[in-house]
Amino acid sequence: MASSSMTSSRDCNSYWTPKQNNLFEKALAVYDNDTPDRWQKVAAAVGGKSAEEVRRHYEILVMDLMYIESGQIPIPNYKSTGSNRR
């Protein structure tokens, strides 16, 4: 998700920086589905986002994963950089 400098949630004017995406992903690992007030805690960990914004961002992530796993969106063929060569 953090491959571009800024990503947007499709249905709203919410922009996510790579740093926010990284914090979001880490917070998801800490606060699972059983965590009370999960979205408020994830929002606090990300900073600058409401609980509703992080919940919507999660829903978009889940939808994207479903499309990729079903073959509706091809997995990108990332070009390797010189620093990854052995």
Protein backbone atom coordinates (compact mmCIF):
# COMPACT_ATOMS: atom_id res chain seq x y z
CA MET A 1 0.00 0.00 0.00
CA ALA A 2 2.82 2.36 0.58
CA SER A 3 4.29 2.04 -2.90
CA SER A 4 3.29 5.54 -4.02
CA SER A 5 4.08 8.77 -2.27
CA MET A 6 0.43 9.32 -1.43
CA THR A 7 -2.60 7.09 -1.78
CA SER A 8 -6.23 8.04 -1.52
CA SER A 9 -9.25 6.23 -0.22
CA ARG A 10 -11.49 5.85 -3.22
CA ASP A 11 -14.75 7.31 -1.95
CA CYS A 12 -13.52 10.21 0.15
CA ASN A 13 -10.93 12.96 0.25
CA SER A 14 -8.63 11.15 2.67
CA TYR A 15 -4.95 11.02 1.66
CA TRP A 16 -2.53 8.60 3.27
CA THR A 17 1.22 9.16 3.29
CA PRO A 18 3.60 6.19 3.19
CA LYS A 19 4.36 6.83 6.89
CA GLN A 20 0.66 6.73 7.77
CA ASN A 21 0.22 3.51 5.78
CA ASN A 22 3.14 1.96 7.64
CA LEU A 23 1.72 2.99 11.02
CA PHE A 24 -1.71 1.71 9.92
CA GLU A 25 -0.31 -1.71 9.00
CA LYS A 26 1.60 -1.97 12.28
CA ALA A 27 -1.48 -0.97 14.26
CA LEU A 28 -3.55 -3.65 12.51
CA ALA A 29 -1.04 -6.22 13.72
CA VAL A 30 -1.40 -4.97 17.29
CA TYR A 31 -5.17 -4.39 17.41
CA ASP A 32 -7.01 -7.42 16.01
CA ASN A 33 -10.74 -7.90 15.36
CA ASP A 34 -11.38 -8.72 19.02
CA THR A 35 -9.88 -5.48 20.36
CA PRO A 36 -12.48 -3.20 21.96
CA ASP A 37 -12.57 0.21 20.25
CA ARG A 38 -10.22 -1.14 17.57
CA TRP A 39 -10.66 1.70 15.08
CA GLN A 40 -10.17 4.40 17.69
CA LYS A 41 -6.92 2.73 18.77
CA VAL A 42 -5.71 2.31 15.19
CA ALA A 43 -6.57 5.96 14.48
CA ALA A 44 -4.60 7.06 17.55
CA ALA A 45 -1.61 4.99 16.41
CA VAL A 46 -1.73 6.48 12.90
CA GLY A 47 -2.36 10.06 13.95
CA GLY A 48 -4.31 12.62 11.94
CA LYS A 49 -7.05 10.14 10.98
CA SER A 50 -10.47 9.50 12.47
CA ALA A 51 -11.73 6.08 13.49
CA GLU A 52 -14.08 6.18 10.49
CA GLU A 53 -11.21 6.99 8.10
CA VAL A 54 -9.09 4.06 9.30
CA ARG A 55 -12.09 1.69 9.21
CA ARG A 56 -12.82 2.72 5.60
CA HIS A 57 -9.14 2.40 4.69
CA TYR A 58 -9.20 -1.15 6.08
CA GLU A 59 -12.34 -2.01 4.09
CA ILE A 60 -10.66 -0.80 0.89
CA LEU A 61 -7.57 -2.87 1.71
CA VAL A 62 -9.70 -5.98 2.19
CA MET A 63 -11.54 -5.35 -1.10
CA ASP A 64 -8.24 -4.85 -2.95
CA LEU A 65 -6.90 -8.13 -1.55
CA MET A 66 -10.06 -9.96 -2.63
CA TYR A 67 -9.70 -8.62 -6.18
CA ILE A 68 -6.01 -9.58 -6.33
CA GLU A 69 -6.58 -13.06 -4.91
CA SER A 70 -9.47 -13.71 -7.31
CA GLY A 71 -7.29 -12.76 -10.28
CA GLN A 72 -9.35 -9.69 -11.18
CA ILE A 73 -6.34 -7.44 -10.65
CA PRO A 74 -2.96 -8.76 -11.77
CA ILE A 75 -0.08 -8.71 -9.32
CA PRO A 76 2.34 -5.98 -10.46
CA ASN A 77 5.63 -7.09 -11.98
CA TYR A 78 8.00 -4.91 -9.99
CA LYS A 79 11.38 -4.33 -11.55
CA SER A 80 14.25 -5.13 -9.27
CA THR A 81 16.74 -2.43 -8.44
CA GLY A 82 20.49 -2.74 -8.66
CA SER A 83 20.77 -2.86 -4.87
CA ASN A 84 18.83 -6.15 -4.76
CA ARG A 85 21.20 -8.04 -7.03
CA ARG A 86 23.48 -10.73 -5.66
